[in-house]
Structure formats: C-alpha cells, structure tokens
Protein backbone atom coordinates (compact mmCIF):
# COMPACT_ATOMS: atom_id res chain seq x y z
CA MET A 1 22.74 -3.98 20.87
CA PRO A 2 24.12 -3.12 17.36
CA GLN A 3 22.30 -3.81 14.23
CA LEU A 4 24.03 -6.56 12.30
CA GLY A 5 23.84 -8.15 8.89
CA GLN A 6 25.14 -7.73 5.34
CA ARG A 7 22.30 -6.97 3.01
CA VAL A 8 21.25 -9.77 0.77
CA SER A 9 21.77 -8.50 -2.79
CA GLY A 10 23.10 -11.31 -5.14
CA LEU A 11 21.43 -14.64 -5.33
CA CYS A 12 23.27 -18.01 -4.99
CA GLU A 13 20.99 -20.59 -6.48
CA GLU A 14 21.98 -23.39 -4.13
CA ALA A 15 21.64 -21.25 -1.01
CA VAL A 16 18.19 -20.03 -2.12
CA GLU A 17 17.03 -23.65 -2.83
CA GLN A 18 18.36 -24.69 0.71
CA GLN A 19 16.61 -21.72 2.36
CA ALA A 20 13.29 -22.46 0.59
CA TYR A 21 13.52 -26.05 1.40
CA ILE A 22 14.05 -25.50 5.04
CA THR A 23 11.41 -22.75 5.25
CA ARG A 24 8.81 -25.18 3.50
CA PHE A 25 9.58 -28.00 6.09
CA LEU A 26 9.20 -25.76 9.17
CA LEU A 27 6.09 -23.85 8.09
CA ASP A 28 3.73 -26.23 10.28
CA TYR A 29 5.76 -24.93 13.43
CA THR A 30 3.90 -21.60 13.22
CA ALA A 31 0.96 -23.42 14.54
CA VAL A 32 2.53 -26.45 16.20
CA PRO A 33 5.07 -25.56 18.97
CA LEU A 34 8.61 -26.12 18.59
CA ARG A 35 8.69 -26.69 22.41
CA SER A 36 6.24 -26.10 25.06
CA GLN A 37 4.76 -22.53 24.28
CA ILE A 38 7.71 -21.50 21.81
CA PHE A 39 6.58 -21.31 18.08
CA LEU A 40 8.29 -20.49 14.86
CA ARG A 41 7.68 -16.87 14.20
CA GLY A 42 9.91 -16.19 11.10
CA MET A 43 12.64 -17.58 8.78
CA LEU A 44 15.01 -14.97 7.50
CA PRO A 45 17.25 -15.44 4.51
CA THR A 46 20.82 -14.42 4.73
CA ARG A 47 24.10 -15.25 3.16
CA ASP A 48 25.01 -18.96 3.74
CA ALA A 49 22.50 -19.37 6.67
CA VAL A 50 18.94 -19.18 7.64
CA ARG A 51 17.88 -17.33 10.84
CA ILE A 52 15.02 -19.25 12.61
CA VAL A 53 13.13 -16.80 14.73
CA ALA A 54 11.31 -18.07 17.57
CA GLY A 55 8.87 -16.70 20.34
CA ALA A 56 5.36 -17.05 21.84
CA ALA A 57 2.41 -18.00 19.72
CA ASP A 58 1.45 -14.42 19.04
CA ALA A 59 4.72 -12.54 19.62
CA VAL A 60 5.67 -9.90 17.03
CA ALA A 61 7.45 -7.24 18.97
CA PRO A 62 11.23 -7.63 18.14
CA ASN A 63 12.21 -7.58 21.87
CA THR A 64 10.05 -10.75 22.42
CA LEU A 65 11.73 -12.52 19.63
CA VAL A 66 15.19 -14.45 19.26
CA ALA A 67 16.73 -15.21 15.82
CA TYR A 68 19.12 -17.99 15.72
CA GLU A 69 21.41 -18.14 12.84
CA ILE A 70 22.18 -21.63 11.50
CA PRO A 71 24.67 -22.24 8.66
CA LEU A 72 23.39 -23.98 5.49
CA VAL A 73 26.26 -26.51 5.32
CA ASP A 74 27.79 -28.70 7.93
CA ASN A 75 31.56 -28.93 8.91
CA ASP A 76 32.01 -31.09 5.82
CA ASP A 77 30.63 -28.54 3.66
CA GLU A 78 27.47 -30.70 3.03
CA PRO A 79 23.95 -29.11 3.06
CA ILE A 80 22.18 -29.47 6.26
CA SER A 81 18.74 -31.30 6.23
CA ALA A 82 15.53 -29.55 7.32
CA PRO A 83 14.90 -32.28 10.05
CA LEU A 84 18.40 -31.43 11.42
CA ALA A 85 17.61 -27.69 11.49
CA LEU A 86 14.46 -28.54 13.17
CA GLY A 87 16.23 -30.58 15.78
CA TRP A 88 18.73 -27.76 16.53
CA ALA A 89 15.88 -25.07 16.78
CA ARG A 90 13.99 -27.31 19.14
CA THR A 91 17.16 -27.72 21.50
CA LEU A 92 17.89 -23.99 21.20
CA VAL A 93 14.48 -23.00 22.29
CA SER A 94 14.51 -25.41 25.21
CA SER A 95 16.70 -23.16 27.32
CA SER A 96 17.07 -19.39 27.88
CA PRO A 97 18.97 -18.05 24.77
CA PRO A 98 22.63 -17.38 25.53
CA TYR A 99 23.65 -13.67 25.98
CA SER A 100 24.08 -11.92 22.59
CA ASP A 101 25.40 -8.34 22.17
CA THR A 102 24.24 -8.58 18.45
CA SER A 103 20.82 -7.90 17.09
CA VAL A 104 19.01 -7.75 13.75
CA MET A 105 15.75 -5.98 13.13
CA GLY A 106 15.64 -5.32 17.08
CA MET A 107 15.70 -9.03 17.67
CA SER A 108 18.53 -10.67 19.70
CA LEU A 109 20.55 -12.53 17.15
CA VAL A 110 22.49 -15.80 18.19
CA ARG A 111 24.95 -17.43 15.92
CA VAL A 112 24.77 -21.12 16.43
CA ASP A 113 27.81 -23.35 16.47
CA THR A 114 26.10 -26.42 15.46
CA SER A 115 29.05 -28.64 16.40
CA ALA A 116 28.36 -27.72 19.88
CA VAL A 117 24.47 -28.32 19.82
CA GLU A 118 22.98 -31.66 19.95
CA PRO A 119 19.73 -31.74 17.90
CA ALA A 120 16.64 -33.01 19.67
CA PRO A 121 15.24 -36.14 18.41
CA PRO A 122 12.05 -36.17 16.39
CA VAL A 123 8.69 -36.27 18.24
CA HIS A 124 5.57 -37.95 17.37
CA THR A 125 4.07 -34.85 15.89
CA ASP A 126 7.02 -34.49 13.61
CA GLN A 127 6.48 -37.90 12.08
CA VAL A 128 2.92 -37.52 11.62
CA LEU A 129 3.53 -34.14 9.79
CA ARG A 130 6.12 -35.63 7.59
CA VAL A 131 3.86 -38.44 6.38
CA LEU A 132 0.97 -36.13 5.77
CA ARG A 133 3.07 -33.38 4.24
CA THR A 134 4.70 -35.90 1.84
CA LEU A 135 1.50 -37.26 0.50
CA ALA A 136 -0.62 -34.04 0.38
CA TRP A 137 2.26 -31.72 -0.74
CA PRO A 138 4.74 -33.95 -2.90
CA VAL A 139 7.92 -32.60 -4.10
CA ILE A 140 7.63 -31.11 -7.63
CA GLU A 141 10.21 -30.87 -10.27
CA THR A 142 9.59 -27.15 -11.15
CA PRO A 143 9.50 -24.98 -8.09
CA PRO A 144 7.29 -21.86 -8.05
CA SER A 145 8.82 -18.59 -9.22
CA PRO A 146 9.75 -16.53 -7.44
CA VAL A 147 10.47 -18.94 -4.61
CA LEU A 148 9.51 -18.12 -1.11
CA CYS A 149 12.68 -18.32 0.93
CA GLY A 150 11.66 -16.80 4.18
CA PHE A 151 8.88 -14.94 6.17
CA LEU A 152 8.47 -12.99 9.50
CA PHE A 153 5.28 -12.14 11.34
CA THR A 154 5.02 -8.34 11.88
CA GLY A 155 1.73 -7.85 13.51
CA GLN A 156 -1.33 -9.80 14.41
CA ASP A 157 -2.83 -9.40 11.05
CA SER A 158 0.44 -8.76 8.89
CA MET A 159 3.60 -10.62 7.79
CA ARG A 160 6.67 -9.95 5.52
CA LEU A 161 7.34 -12.64 2.84
CA TYR A 162 10.71 -12.91 1.36
CA PHE A 163 10.98 -13.84 -2.47
CA ALA A 164 14.22 -14.79 -4.36
CA VAL A 165 13.76 -12.76 -7.70
CA GLU A 166 16.04 -13.52 -10.46
CA GLU A 167 18.47 -10.61 -11.40
CA ALA A 168 17.17 -8.61 -8.55
CA GLY A 169 17.89 -10.45 -5.33
CA VAL A 170 15.51 -11.09 -2.43
CA ILE A 171 12.37 -8.85 -2.40
CA ALA A 172 10.19 -8.59 0.83
CA ALA A 173 6.54 -8.22 0.50
CA ASP A 174 4.47 -6.76 3.31
CA VAL A 175 1.11 -8.27 3.28
CA ARG A 176 -2.15 -8.47 5.59
CA LEU A 177 -3.72 -11.76 6.50
CA THR A 178 -7.25 -10.61 5.88
CA GLY A 179 -9.01 -9.25 2.76
CA ALA A 180 -8.86 -10.53 -0.70
CA LEU A 181 -6.12 -13.05 -0.04
CA THR A 182 -7.00 -15.33 -3.02
CA ALA A 183 -6.60 -12.49 -5.35
CA LEU A 184 -3.40 -11.36 -3.71
CA LEU A 185 -1.63 -14.67 -3.67
CA ALA A 186 -2.43 -15.23 -7.25
CA ALA A 187 -1.00 -11.74 -8.08
CA LEU A 188 2.12 -11.89 -5.78
CA PRO A 189 4.54 -13.38 -8.37
CA THR A 190 3.92 -10.40 -10.62
CA LEU A 191 3.63 -7.66 -7.97
CA VAL A 192 7.03 -8.39 -6.40
CA ARG A 193 8.44 -8.09 -9.74
CA GLU A 194 7.24 -4.67 -10.55
CA GLU A 195 10.20 -2.26 -10.04
CA GLU A 196 7.92 0.68 -9.51
CA ARG A 197 6.71 -0.71 -6.25
CA TRP A 198 10.15 -1.28 -4.89
CA THR A 199 11.23 0.71 -1.86
CA ALA A 200 14.16 0.44 0.52
CA ASP A 201 14.27 -0.77 4.27
CA GLU A 202 17.46 0.08 5.76
CA THR A 203 16.38 -1.75 8.90
CA ASP A 204 16.00 -5.16 7.20
CA PRO A 205 19.35 -6.70 5.84
CA HIS A 206 17.61 -9.65 4.43
CA CYS A 207 16.32 -8.13 1.26
CA VAL A 208 17.42 -5.55 -1.18
CA HIS A 209 13.93 -4.05 -1.80
CA THR A 210 10.50 -4.09 -0.17
CA VAL A 211 6.98 -3.99 -1.54
CA ASP A 212 4.07 -2.64 0.44
CA LEU A 213 0.99 -4.86 -0.30
CA THR A 214 -0.81 -4.16 2.86
CA THR A 215 -3.49 -2.02 1.14
CA TRP A 216 -3.45 -3.80 -2.18
C-alpha cells in the first residue's frame, strides 16, 4: 500500500489547539479500552485532521494498527468536540476496518466520512472519567509550551511525542518510558527546541523534524 500524507510543516494555531484538546481528552483510552480489547495506540496530527490509531493493548507493529483520519471540523465548518471524536472512534473500532489501499507509517489509513458514521453513545466509564478529569485536571488559561498535539507507541518501552513548536512546526521526540523520566519530562520543552538535535524522518509525515531522546 502506498505511503500517504503531506508533511506537517507550518502551524495553524486553531488546528493545533483542537488536536491538543482531542489528544488530552482521549489519553485515558490508552489504558481503558475503546471497545472490547481495542485501545488507543496513538494520536497523529495532520493538516485539518487527527489520525486516531487503534489496536490491541500492547500492539506496536504497524501492520497490527489502524489509523482513522477524522476531520477537525464538521460539515458546518464547526470544530468537532472530543466526546464526538471518541464516539466515532468507538463506532469505527467496533467492526473490521473497511478496505483501504492507503497507508501511513506502515499502518492502514482509513479516511472517515463522519457524516456516514453514527457516533457511539457515552458509556459509564466515559462519564466517570469526565467527572474525575474535570476536577483533578481543570482547564488552564495558559496551555503548556510547546503543546503536545499527538503521540504514538513505538515499542513496549518507547513512544514518539509530537510537539507544536512555534516557528518550526511539529517536532517529534522519541523517548523511553523507563529511566530518569522526571528529569526528561522537565527538560523536554527545551530539548525539542534545540536545533542541533533535529534530524529528519522521511517515513513520518506528521512532523518536520525528530529528536532522539531514547538515550538521554
């Protein structure tokens, strides 16, 4: 299947905010299943859309994952809500993905016509998470900088984090999930801005540069 995707270079502030908002809202579903044994395995930022990556709880191999591309706005050009994106994702993973001759990063890519997909209604767990998230993690006026607008599990002990960096574009940082995590998380905003660390990854159209912090 052919590789697809226009590399994310410039930043649209509204799109980045929307991608970051949906990413934050769906983070819990890396541990809580979307449906049955299907979990969130990534959120990939792309132009005017988010790509929700789904698979089994420990799936990291591209051929075991499916990326569902959902537009950031509806047919009335209004921004979609994160609960609506969750509802669509849950419907989509409830059945076998439709055939697609398109791929991205080795994953099957399904472009979703949201007008033809009925979002699944919220379940009890969604409501519980919404209450607890709102109380424990209230909305703040000043978002973090750079903002996290996506992620992808790349191994059992590694993941790629996508940051929107002003005047640069989306920078992807590869990190390990063990080791000096406290120090790494504190340093990440600085490390992803250090141009001498930037390299190119032609296989990933969701970023303009990558930073390898797996040995940091």
